[in-house]
Structures are given as C-alpha cells and as structure tokens.
C-alpha cells in the first residue's frame, strides 16, 4: 500500500442527527459522523461507506481525538483527554459530543442560523486490506472501509470533499478503468486554460489523474522514462497544477511488504501512524 494519508469526509447535519442542547456544564453539540453502512455522496467518481465499528483499533491505540472548526488546528473546540469531547461507537455510527467553549459561542449561532451545514471527520487507512472495492448496480464504484484511523471530528460550513481523490489511490484496475472513462468525458467539456490558483496557499496536495496516485515529493506512479503523460490536479479545486511544488503531507511507514503483515504487525503499523500524526 502507498504511504497513508489523511482524508476528510463530510455529512450533512440533517443526516448526522446533529443537535445542540444545554447542560449544567454548558452547551453541547452532538451527532454522528459517519453513520455505518450509509452511502456517501458521489466523491471523485465513487461512493463510500463505512462498516460498523471501523474505528475500534484506532480508538484503543490513540483515544485522544480532537474536535475543531473547519479542520483548523487553531480552532480547537474540544478533545477527549480534557473531557470536553466524547467519542464512541454504537450500532448507528461514530457518535461525538463536544462541550463548546465560551470563546466559540459563535459556532452555536452559526449552527442555529444553518451557516454550518455539515459534520466532518478526518481519517486514514493503514493497510490496503482495510478497504474493499466493488461496482454498484448503476455502475458507480463503491469503496467500503472496514478499518480506519480516526484523527478528528469537525464542524464545517460546506459538505465538500476536497481531497476525496486520495481514496482512489489503491483502487483496483477495474475501478480505475470506470473512473478514467468518466474523467475523460468531463475533461472534454472543461477548459484547459484554467489552472490551480492555490500556489501560495497551504492545501491538501495533488493527485495524478493518469495513475490516480497522490503526488509526493513531485512524484507519482507514472514512469517518466515510459513517456507517461502526467495530469496533476489540485485536491482542493480539481484544476491542473502549473509549476507548483507539491506539499508532502504523508506519513512515512517503514515496511518492506505491507501486504503480508500479520495482525500484530498491522496493529503496530496503526500505532506508528498515529504517533507520527500526533507529533
């Protein structure tokens, strides 16, 4: 498997059963993100679902999950270790309950005005066996996540999926063939004059549409010697990247043969991933 990278997914508040309630300690925001066995919106030409209790190993290895606004580290609103965030799994999905600090009361107003429209979560896969691919009846590729590392839950203003292309990086050939056909049709209708404008911004990175791999250290899976045409696209806006140094937000995992890890090694891999991410 490629180096694990973080992915973000969003769930509309109406689907996440998000509620705001008052307690003796203050006001709490609670809900589910994600719900098990629930189809996501169409991501980058595929849909996704999480199997029940997909975060069990992660919550045991690194229980100190954080809650924030818009996935911003400087907008922390709670964490498990301080008792201001509760995260647990039940038969419905991943439940979260965060005690909103007084300094972030504006979030409650934004929720009440419906300016904040989605609950989001940040995760990664530590092993290629933690996802399964199939084709739905309508021809859409389906990614089923059975085991994942959880980093954070978040309240966001838009249920967007800016980095969902990362989810395709380990998809089998029969899935990529379907995706490439759809991409080719869209590319024919798009303007090639438009390029990514995020050159000066910190962003999630780039994905190569030729090989569907994340761009790391200005490299993807394409072999330059074989004359492969590289089509690197921004994970935020989807536009071609022109003369831009890639952002390496991946986590190095030292393993010569990750596909043949036993269960103990897989757990160690998850722990290593979590520790590196916490640094």
C-alpha atoms as a PDB file:
ATOM      1  CA  UNK A   1       0.000   0.000   0.000  1.00  0.00           C
ATOM      2  CA  UNK A   2       1.078   3.612  -0.579  1.00  0.00           C
ATOM      3  CA  UNK A   3       2.004   5.843   2.322  1.00  0.00           C
ATOM      4  CA  UNK A   4      -1.086   6.522   4.467  1.00  0.00           C
ATOM      5  CA  UNK A   5      -2.536   9.986   4.034  1.00  0.00           C
ATOM      6  CA  UNK A   6      -5.312  11.785   5.806  1.00  0.00           C
ATOM      7  CA  UNK A   7      -8.719  12.067   4.186  1.00  0.00           C
ATOM      8  CA  UNK A   8     -11.722  14.182   5.138  1.00  0.00           C
ATOM      9  CA  UNK A   9     -15.400  13.399   4.699  1.00  0.00           C
ATOM     10  CA  UNK A  10     -18.480  15.464   5.491  1.00  0.00           C
ATOM     11  CA  UNK A  11     -22.026  14.524   6.438  1.00  0.00           C
ATOM     12  CA  UNK A  12     -24.941  16.968   6.213  1.00  0.00           C
ATOM     13  CA  UNK A  13     -26.213  17.946   9.651  1.00  0.00           C
ATOM     14  CA  UNK A  14     -29.669  16.608   8.858  1.00  0.00           C
ATOM     15  CA  UNK A  15     -28.186  13.192   8.081  1.00  0.00           C
ATOM     16  CA  UNK A  16     -25.757  13.293  11.028  1.00  0.00           C
ATOM     17  CA  UNK A  17     -28.566  13.875  13.580  1.00  0.00           C
ATOM     18  CA  UNK A  18     -26.627  16.857  14.971  1.00  0.00           C
ATOM     19  CA  UNK A  19     -28.299  18.602  17.893  1.00  0.00           C
ATOM     20  CA  UNK A  20     -27.419  21.422  20.282  1.00  0.00           C
ATOM     21  CA  UNK A  21     -28.524  21.019  23.892  1.00  0.00           C
ATOM     22  CA  UNK A  22     -27.938  22.826  27.170  1.00  0.00           C
ATOM     23  CA  UNK A  23     -26.453  21.154  30.249  1.00  0.00           C
ATOM     24  CA  UNK A  24     -25.277  22.329  33.671  1.00  0.00           C
ATOM     25  CA  UNK A  25     -21.727  22.474  32.250  1.00  0.00           C
ATOM     26  CA  UNK A  26     -22.637  24.450  29.152  1.00  0.00           C
ATOM     27  CA  UNK A  27     -23.946  23.866  25.642  1.00  0.00           C
ATOM     28  CA  UNK A  28     -23.159  20.640  23.836  1.00  0.00           C
ATOM     29  CA  UNK A  29     -23.144  19.760  20.148  1.00  0.00           C
ATOM     30  CA  UNK A  30     -23.658  16.064  19.430  1.00  0.00           C
ATOM     31  CA  UNK A  31     -24.303  13.825  16.455  1.00  0.00           C
ATOM     32  CA  UNK A  32     -22.972  11.044  14.236  1.00  0.00           C
ATOM     33  CA  UNK A  33     -20.222  11.268  11.645  1.00  0.00           C
ATOM     34  CA  UNK A  34     -20.147   8.850   9.936  1.00  0.00           C
ATOM     35  CA  UNK A  35     -23.118   6.505  10.181  1.00  0.00           C
ATOM     36  CA  UNK A  36     -22.369   2.873   9.375  1.00  0.00           C
ATOM     37  CA  UNK A  37     -23.407   1.295   6.086  1.00  0.00           C
ATOM     38  CA  UNK A  38     -24.609   4.664   4.768  1.00  0.00           C
ATOM     39  CA  UNK A  39     -23.682   5.690   1.250  1.00  0.00           C
ATOM     40  CA  UNK A  40     -21.790   8.940   0.907  1.00  0.00           C
ATOM     41  CA  UNK A  41     -22.496  11.472  -1.774  1.00  0.00           C
ATOM     42  CA  UNK A  42     -20.650  10.869  -5.038  1.00  0.00           C
ATOM     43  CA  UNK A  43     -16.999  11.689  -4.324  1.00  0.00           C
ATOM     44  CA  UNK A  44     -14.378  11.609  -7.090  1.00  0.00           C
ATOM     45  CA  UNK A  45     -16.374   9.276  -9.314  1.00  0.00           C
ATOM     46  CA  UNK A  46     -17.060   6.815  -6.494  1.00  0.00           C
ATOM     47  CA  UNK A  47     -19.195   6.419  -3.392  1.00  0.00           C
ATOM     48  CA  UNK A  48     -18.115   5.269   0.022  1.00  0.00           C
ATOM     49  CA  UNK A  49     -19.465   3.539   3.105  1.00  0.00           C
ATOM     50  CA  UNK A  50     -18.037   2.570   6.499  1.00  0.00           C
ATOM     51  CA  UNK A  51     -18.618  -0.812   8.085  1.00  0.00           C
ATOM     52  CA  UNK A  52     -19.750  -0.932  11.730  1.00  0.00           C
ATOM     53  CA  UNK A  53     -17.082  -0.239  14.360  1.00  0.00           C
ATOM     54  CA  UNK A  54     -14.439   0.668  11.781  1.00  0.00           C
ATOM     55  CA  UNK A  55     -12.552   2.810  14.314  1.00  0.00           C
ATOM     56  CA  UNK A  56     -12.256   0.251  17.132  1.00  0.00           C
ATOM     57  CA  UNK A  57      -8.494  -0.339  16.854  1.00  0.00           C
ATOM     58  CA  UNK A  58      -7.820   3.363  16.359  1.00  0.00           C
ATOM     59  CA  UNK A  59      -9.736   4.457  19.458  1.00  0.00           C
ATOM     60  CA  UNK A  60      -7.856   1.865  21.524  1.00  0.00           C
ATOM     61  CA  UNK A  61      -4.423   2.874  20.200  1.00  0.00           C
ATOM     62  CA  UNK A  62      -4.961   6.639  20.271  1.00  0.00           C
ATOM     63  CA  UNK A  63      -8.164   7.663  22.087  1.00  0.00           C
ATOM     64  CA  UNK A  64      -7.314  11.391  22.383  1.00  0.00           C
ATOM     65  CA  UNK A  65      -9.375  12.523  19.386  1.00  0.00           C
ATOM     66  CA  UNK A  66      -9.843  16.262  18.842  1.00  0.00           C
ATOM     67  CA  UNK A  67     -12.813  18.356  17.726  1.00  0.00           C
ATOM     68  CA  UNK A  68     -12.341  21.577  15.801  1.00  0.00           C
ATOM     69  CA  UNK A  69     -13.971  24.016  13.430  1.00  0.00           C
ATOM     70  CA  UNK A  70     -13.343  23.574   9.696  1.00  0.00           C
ATOM     71  CA  UNK A  71     -10.448  21.176  10.460  1.00  0.00           C
ATOM     72  CA  UNK A  72      -8.352  24.117  11.660  1.00  0.00           C
ATOM     73  CA  UNK A  73      -5.834  23.257  14.366  1.00  0.00           C
ATOM     74  CA  UNK A  74      -6.101  26.742  15.906  1.00  0.00           C
ATOM     75  CA  UNK A  75      -9.901  26.419  16.213  1.00  0.00           C
ATOM     76  CA  UNK A  76      -9.874  23.570  18.733  1.00  0.00           C
ATOM     77  CA  UNK A  77     -13.237  23.213  20.500  1.00  0.00           C
ATOM     78  CA  UNK A  78     -12.699  20.006  22.463  1.00  0.00           C
ATOM     79  CA  UNK A  79     -10.642  16.860  22.972  1.00  0.00           C
ATOM     80  CA  UNK A  80     -11.110  13.530  24.670  1.00  0.00           C
ATOM     81  CA  UNK A  81      -8.205  13.866  27.129  1.00  0.00           C
ATOM     82  CA  UNK A  82      -9.685  17.037  28.677  1.00  0.00           C
ATOM     83  CA  UNK A  83     -13.176  15.588  28.965  1.00  0.00           C
ATOM     84  CA  UNK A  84     -14.657  18.198  26.618  1.00  0.00           C
ATOM     85  CA  UNK A  85     -15.176  15.696  23.798  1.00  0.00           C
ATOM     86  CA  UNK A  86     -16.759  12.262  23.951  1.00  0.00           C
ATOM     87  CA  UNK A  87     -16.362   9.853  21.053  1.00  0.00           C
ATOM     88  CA  UNK A  88     -17.801   6.362  20.956  1.00  0.00           C
ATOM     89  CA  UNK A  89     -19.098   3.800  18.517  1.00  0.00           C
ATOM     90  CA  UNK A  90     -22.548   2.241  18.674  1.00  0.00           C
ATOM     91  CA  UNK A  91     -24.841   0.375  16.318  1.00  0.00           C
ATOM     92  CA  UNK A  92     -25.657   3.603  14.455  1.00  0.00           C
ATOM     93  CA  UNK A  93     -22.196   5.000  13.813  1.00  0.00           C
ATOM     94  CA  UNK A  94     -19.435   7.127  15.303  1.00  0.00           C
ATOM     95  CA  UNK A  95     -21.061   9.305  17.954  1.00  0.00           C
ATOM     96  CA  UNK A  96     -19.479  12.558  19.134  1.00  0.00           C
ATOM     97  CA  UNK A  97     -20.468  15.035  21.842  1.00  0.00           C
ATOM     98  CA  UNK A  98     -18.446  18.227  22.325  1.00  0.00           C
ATOM     99  CA  UNK A  99     -18.794  20.824  25.085  1.00  0.00           C
ATOM    100  CA  UNK A 100     -18.415  24.087  23.172  1.00  0.00           C
ATOM    101  CA  UNK A 101     -16.087  26.585  24.939  1.00  0.00           C
ATOM    102  CA  UNK A 102     -17.393  30.053  25.750  1.00  0.00           C
ATOM    103  CA  UNK A 103     -14.837  31.533  23.366  1.00  0.00           C
ATOM    104  CA  UNK A 104     -16.535  29.685  20.490  1.00  0.00           C
ATOM    105  CA  UNK A 105     -20.166  30.536  21.221  1.00  0.00           C
ATOM    106  CA  UNK A 106     -20.352  31.991  17.718  1.00  0.00           C
ATOM    107  CA  UNK A 107     -20.353  28.399  16.442  1.00  0.00           C
ATOM    108  CA  UNK A 108     -23.686  27.821  18.162  1.00  0.00           C
ATOM    109  CA  UNK A 109     -25.148  30.872  16.444  1.00  0.00           C
ATOM    110  CA  UNK A 110     -23.793  29.652  13.104  1.00  0.00           C
ATOM    111  CA  UNK A 111     -25.404  26.270  13.735  1.00  0.00           C
ATOM    112  CA  UNK A 112     -28.734  27.845  14.631  1.00  0.00           C
ATOM    113  CA  UNK A 113     -28.598  30.032  11.506  1.00  0.00           C
ATOM    114  CA  UNK A 114     -27.629  26.933   9.472  1.00  0.00           C
ATOM    115  CA  UNK A 115     -24.441  28.592   8.238  1.00  0.00           C
ATOM    116  CA  UNK A 116     -22.641  25.483   9.456  1.00  0.00           C
ATOM    117  CA  UNK A 117     -24.157  22.720   7.377  1.00  0.00           C
ATOM    118  CA  UNK A 118     -22.117  19.575   7.979  1.00  0.00           C
ATOM    119  CA  UNK A 119     -20.248  17.426  10.474  1.00  0.00           C
ATOM    120  CA  UNK A 120     -16.928  16.129   9.212  1.00  0.00           C
ATOM    121  CA  UNK A 121     -14.287  13.610  10.237  1.00  0.00           C
ATOM    122  CA  UNK A 122     -10.632  13.096   9.364  1.00  0.00           C
ATOM    123  CA  UNK A 123      -9.233   9.593   8.895  1.00  0.00           C
ATOM    124  CA  UNK A 124      -6.615   7.440   7.157  1.00  0.00           C
ATOM    125  CA  UNK A 125      -6.132   3.814   6.173  1.00  0.00           C
ATOM    126  CA  UNK A 126      -3.062   1.976   7.481  1.00  0.00           C
ATOM    127  CA  UNK A 127      -3.379  -1.143   5.328  1.00  0.00           C
ATOM    128  CA  UNK A 128      -4.693  -1.946   1.844  1.00  0.00           C
ATOM    129  CA  UNK A 129      -6.860  -4.696   3.338  1.00  0.00           C
ATOM    130  CA  UNK A 130      -8.839  -2.078   5.228  1.00  0.00           C
ATOM    131  CA  UNK A 131     -10.830  -1.169   2.112  1.00  0.00           C
ATOM    132  CA  UNK A 132     -12.811  -3.222  -0.394  1.00  0.00           C
ATOM    133  CA  UNK A 133     -13.959  -2.164  -3.855  1.00  0.00           C
ATOM    134  CA  UNK A 134     -16.984  -3.185  -5.899  1.00  0.00           C
ATOM    135  CA  UNK A 135     -19.240  -1.820  -8.636  1.00  0.00           C
ATOM    136  CA  UNK A 136     -22.796  -0.784  -7.769  1.00  0.00           C
ATOM    137  CA  UNK A 137     -25.794  -1.666  -9.924  1.00  0.00           C
ATOM    138  CA  UNK A 138     -25.726   1.774 -11.587  1.00  0.00           C
ATOM    139  CA  UNK A 139     -22.045   1.317 -12.497  1.00  0.00           C
ATOM    140  CA  UNK A 140     -20.645   3.583  -9.767  1.00  0.00           C
ATOM    141  CA  UNK A 141     -17.516   2.264  -7.973  1.00  0.00           C
ATOM    142  CA  UNK A 142     -18.103   1.639  -4.251  1.00  0.00           C
ATOM    143  CA  UNK A 143     -15.381   1.827  -1.611  1.00  0.00           C
ATOM    144  CA  UNK A 144     -16.175   0.020   1.649  1.00  0.00           C
ATOM    145  CA  UNK A 145     -13.938   0.969   4.587  1.00  0.00           C
ATOM    146  CA  UNK A 146     -13.701  -1.758   7.222  1.00  0.00           C
ATOM    147  CA  UNK A 147     -10.897  -0.357   9.401  1.00  0.00           C
ATOM    148  CA  UNK A 148      -9.594   3.200   9.717  1.00  0.00           C
ATOM    149  CA  UNK A 149      -7.550   5.549  11.874  1.00  0.00           C
ATOM    150  CA  UNK A 150      -9.559   8.459  13.316  1.00  0.00           C
ATOM    151  CA  UNK A 151      -7.860  11.822  13.877  1.00  0.00           C
ATOM    152  CA  UNK A 152     -10.547  14.436  14.429  1.00  0.00           C
ATOM    153  CA  UNK A 153     -14.189  15.421  14.098  1.00  0.00           C
ATOM    154  CA  UNK A 154     -15.131  18.861  12.886  1.00  0.00           C
ATOM    155  CA  UNK A 155     -17.993  21.243  12.182  1.00  0.00           C
ATOM    156  CA  UNK A 156     -17.769  22.729   8.697  1.00  0.00           C
ATOM    157  CA  UNK A 157     -19.646  25.300   6.659  1.00  0.00           C
ATOM    158  CA  UNK A 158     -19.750  23.235   3.485  1.00  0.00           C
ATOM    159  CA  UNK A 159     -20.147  19.466   2.947  1.00  0.00           C
ATOM    160  CA  UNK A 160     -17.311  19.409   0.421  1.00  0.00           C
ATOM    161  CA  UNK A 161     -14.891  16.580  -0.330  1.00  0.00           C
ATOM    162  CA  UNK A 162     -11.733  18.451  -1.441  1.00  0.00           C
ATOM    163  CA  UNK A 163      -9.363  15.501  -1.015  1.00  0.00           C
ATOM    164  CA  UNK A 164     -11.609  12.578  -1.899  1.00  0.00           C
ATOM    165  CA  UNK A 165      -9.444  11.702  -4.924  1.00  0.00           C
ATOM    166  CA  UNK A 166      -6.973  10.259  -2.423  1.00  0.00           C
ATOM    167  CA  UNK A 167      -9.472   7.477  -1.835  1.00  0.00           C
ATOM    168  CA  UNK A 168      -8.797   6.158  -5.336  1.00  0.00           C
ATOM    169  CA  UNK A 169      -5.063   5.727  -4.879  1.00  0.00           C
ATOM    170  CA  UNK A 170      -5.301   1.992  -4.058  1.00  0.00           C
ATOM    171  CA  UNK A 171      -8.351   1.151  -6.122  1.00  0.00           C
ATOM    172  CA  UNK A 172      -8.070  -1.936  -8.368  1.00  0.00           C
ATOM    173  CA  UNK A 173      -7.799  -1.618 -12.142  1.00  0.00           C
ATOM    174  CA  UNK A 174     -11.457  -2.420 -12.844  1.00  0.00           C
ATOM    175  CA  UNK A 175     -12.447   0.581 -10.715  1.00  0.00           C
ATOM    176  CA  UNK A 176      -9.852   2.934 -12.227  1.00  0.00           C
ATOM    177  CA  UNK A 177     -10.984   1.991 -15.738  1.00  0.00           C
ATOM    178  CA  UNK A 178     -14.502   3.163 -14.869  1.00  0.00           C
ATOM    179  CA  UNK A 179     -13.176   6.375 -13.312  1.00  0.00           C
ATOM    180  CA  UNK A 180     -10.877   7.238 -16.212  1.00  0.00           C
ATOM    181  CA  UNK A 181     -13.757   6.958 -18.683  1.00  0.00           C
ATOM    182  CA  UNK A 182     -15.842   9.388 -16.607  1.00  0.00           C
ATOM    183  CA  UNK A 183     -12.909  11.762 -16.208  1.00  0.00           C
ATOM    184  CA  UNK A 184     -12.208  11.763 -19.936  1.00  0.00           C
ATOM    185  CA  UNK A 185     -15.782  12.783 -20.660  1.00  0.00           C
ATOM    186  CA  UNK A 186     -15.603  15.643 -18.177  1.00  0.00           C
ATOM    187  CA  UNK A 187     -12.178  16.758 -19.385  1.00  0.00           C
ATOM    188  CA  UNK A 188     -13.509  17.086 -22.931  1.00  0.00           C
ATOM    189  CA  UNK A 189     -16.075  19.587 -21.627  1.00  0.00           C
ATOM    190  CA  UNK A 190     -13.698  21.542 -19.389  1.00  0.00           C
ATOM    191  CA  UNK A 191     -11.456  24.477 -20.194  1.00  0.00           C
ATOM    192  CA  UNK A 192      -7.760  23.611 -20.350  1.00  0.00           C
ATOM    193  CA  UNK A 193      -6.899  27.292 -19.885  1.00  0.00           C
ATOM    194  CA  UNK A 194      -7.838  27.208 -16.207  1.00  0.00           C
ATOM    195  CA  UNK A 195      -5.095  26.280 -13.734  1.00  0.00           C
ATOM    196  CA  UNK A 196      -4.942  25.926  -9.950  1.00  0.00           C
ATOM    197  CA  UNK A 197      -4.755  29.218  -8.061  1.00  0.00           C
ATOM    198  CA  UNK A 198      -3.647  27.715  -4.735  1.00  0.00           C
ATOM    199  CA  UNK A 199       0.079  28.223  -5.361  1.00  0.00           C
ATOM    200  CA  UNK A 200       0.504  30.387  -2.272  1.00  0.00           C
ATOM    201  CA  UNK A 201      -1.928  28.516  -0.035  1.00  0.00           C
ATOM    202  CA  UNK A 202      -1.488  25.533   2.238  1.00  0.00           C
ATOM    203  CA  UNK A 203      -3.667  22.801   0.801  1.00  0.00           C
ATOM    204  CA  UNK A 204      -4.224  19.075   0.858  1.00  0.00           C
ATOM    205  CA  UNK A 205      -1.923  18.299  -2.080  1.00  0.00           C
ATOM    206  CA  UNK A 206      -2.156  16.940  -5.608  1.00  0.00           C
ATOM    207  CA  UNK A 207      -3.396  13.786  -7.276  1.00  0.00           C
ATOM    208  CA  UNK A 208      -2.278  12.439 -10.664  1.00  0.00           C
ATOM    209  CA  UNK A 209      -5.237  11.653 -12.918  1.00  0.00           C
ATOM    210  CA  UNK A 210      -3.053   9.459 -15.123  1.00  0.00           C
ATOM    211  CA  UNK A 211      -2.214   6.919 -12.410  1.00  0.00           C
ATOM    212  CA  UNK A 212      -4.674   8.033  -9.656  1.00  0.00           C
ATOM    213  CA  UNK A 213      -1.834   8.278  -7.103  1.00  0.00           C
ATOM    214  CA  UNK A 214      -1.158  11.120  -4.697  1.00  0.00           C
ATOM    215  CA  UNK A 215       1.751  13.347  -5.741  1.00  0.00           C
ATOM    216  CA  UNK A 216       4.501  13.122  -3.134  1.00  0.00           C
ATOM    217  CA  UNK A 217       7.821  14.958  -3.424  1.00  0.00           C
ATOM    218  CA  UNK A 218       6.946  15.855  -7.032  1.00  0.00           C
ATOM    219  CA  UNK A 219       6.456  12.184  -7.934  1.00  0.00           C
ATOM    220  CA  UNK A 220       3.537   9.907  -8.667  1.00  0.00           C
ATOM    221  CA  UNK A 221       3.311   6.365 -10.069  1.00  0.00           C
ATOM    222  CA  UNK A 222       3.929   7.442 -13.663  1.00  0.00           C
ATOM    223  CA  UNK A 223       7.258   6.389 -15.145  1.00  0.00           C
ATOM    224  CA  UNK A 224       8.770   9.359 -16.949  1.00  0.00           C
ATOM    225  CA  UNK A 225      11.020   7.050 -18.986  1.00  0.00           C
ATOM    226  CA  UNK A 226       7.950   5.383 -20.457  1.00  0.00           C
ATOM    227  CA  UNK A 227       6.618   8.691 -21.672  1.00  0.00           C
ATOM    228  CA  UNK A 228       3.541   8.720 -19.431  1.00  0.00           C
ATOM    229  CA  UNK A 229       1.537  11.941 -19.661  1.00  0.00           C
ATOM    230  CA  UNK A 230       1.174  13.354 -16.176  1.00  0.00           C
ATOM    231  CA  UNK A 231      -2.017  15.165 -15.297  1.00  0.00           C
ATOM    232  CA  UNK A 232      -1.539  16.543 -11.787  1.00  0.00           C
ATOM    233  CA  UNK A 233      -4.636  18.152 -10.304  1.00  0.00           C
ATOM    234  CA  UNK A 234      -5.153  20.197  -7.134  1.00  0.00           C
ATOM    235  CA  UNK A 235      -7.073  18.230  -4.484  1.00  0.00           C
ATOM    236  CA  UNK A 236      -8.914  21.422  -3.482  1.00  0.00           C
ATOM    237  CA  UNK A 237     -10.188  22.765  -6.805  1.00  0.00           C
ATOM    238  CA  UNK A 238      -9.552  19.901  -9.246  1.00  0.00           C
ATOM    239  CA  UNK A 239      -7.765  22.171 -11.735  1.00  0.00           C
ATOM    240  CA  UNK A 240      -4.389  21.375 -13.337  1.00  0.00           C
ATOM    241  CA  UNK A 241      -1.357  22.349 -11.285  1.00  0.00           C
ATOM    242  CA  UNK A 242       1.090  24.544 -13.174  1.00  0.00           C
ATOM    243  CA  UNK A 243       4.664  24.990 -11.870  1.00  0.00           C
ATOM    244  CA  UNK A 244       3.921  24.269  -8.232  1.00  0.00           C
ATOM    245  CA  UNK A 245       5.995  22.384  -5.653  1.00  0.00           C
ATOM    246  CA  UNK A 246       3.895  19.674  -4.060  1.00  0.00           C
ATOM    247  CA  UNK A 247       3.058  19.587  -0.376  1.00  0.00           C
ATOM    248  CA  UNK A 248       4.127  16.329   1.255  1.00  0.00           C
ATOM    249  CA  UNK A 249       1.544  15.695   3.951  1.00  0.00           C
ATOM    250  CA  UNK A 250       2.026  11.954   4.017  1.00  0.00           C
ATOM    251  CA  UNK A 251       3.299   9.881   6.879  1.00  0.00           C
ATOM    252  CA  UNK A 252       6.267   7.571   6.330  1.00  0.00           C
ATOM    253  CA  UNK A 253       5.595   3.983   7.327  1.00  0.00           C
ATOM    254  CA  UNK A 254       8.618   1.718   7.183  1.00  0.00           C
ATOM    255  CA  UNK A 255       7.503  -1.631   5.839  1.00  0.00           C
ATOM    256  CA  UNK A 256       9.059  -3.644   3.026  1.00  0.00           C
ATOM    257  CA  UNK A 257       5.974  -5.762   2.441  1.00  0.00           C
ATOM    258  CA  UNK A 258       2.855  -4.242   3.952  1.00  0.00           C
ATOM    259  CA  UNK A 259       0.516  -6.576   2.064  1.00  0.00           C
ATOM    260  CA  UNK A 260       1.750  -9.562   4.072  1.00  0.00           C
ATOM    261  CA  UNK A 261       1.613  -8.100   7.572  1.00  0.00           C
ATOM    262  CA  UNK A 262       0.138 -10.255  10.310  1.00  0.00           C
ATOM    263  CA  UNK A 263      -2.411  -8.826  12.757  1.00  0.00           C
ATOM    264  CA  UNK A 264       0.210  -7.819  15.297  1.00  0.00           C
ATOM    265  CA  UNK A 265       2.216  -6.000  12.660  1.00  0.00           C
ATOM    266  CA  UNK A 266      -0.904  -4.294  11.372  1.00  0.00           C
ATOM    267  CA  UNK A 267      -1.704  -3.013  14.857  1.00  0.00           C
ATOM    268  CA  UNK A 268       1.873  -1.802  15.213  1.00  0.00           C
ATOM    269  CA  UNK A 269       1.517  -0.051  11.873  1.00  0.00           C
ATOM    270  CA  UNK A 270      -1.598   1.761  13.075  1.00  0.00           C
ATOM    271  CA  UNK A 271       0.150   2.772  16.284  1.00  0.00           C
ATOM    272  CA  UNK A 272       3.141   4.077  14.352  1.00  0.00           C
ATOM    273  CA  UNK A 273       0.868   6.044  12.062  1.00  0.00           C
ATOM    274  CA  UNK A 274      -0.963   7.587  14.995  1.00  0.00           C
ATOM    275  CA  UNK A 275       2.206   8.515  16.845  1.00  0.00           C
ATOM    276  CA  UNK A 276       3.689  10.183  13.768  1.00  0.00           C
ATOM    277  CA  UNK A 277       0.481  12.123  13.228  1.00  0.00           C
ATOM    278  CA  UNK A 278       0.440  13.318  16.846  1.00  0.00           C
ATOM    279  CA  UNK A 279       3.958  14.782  16.624  1.00  0.00           C
END
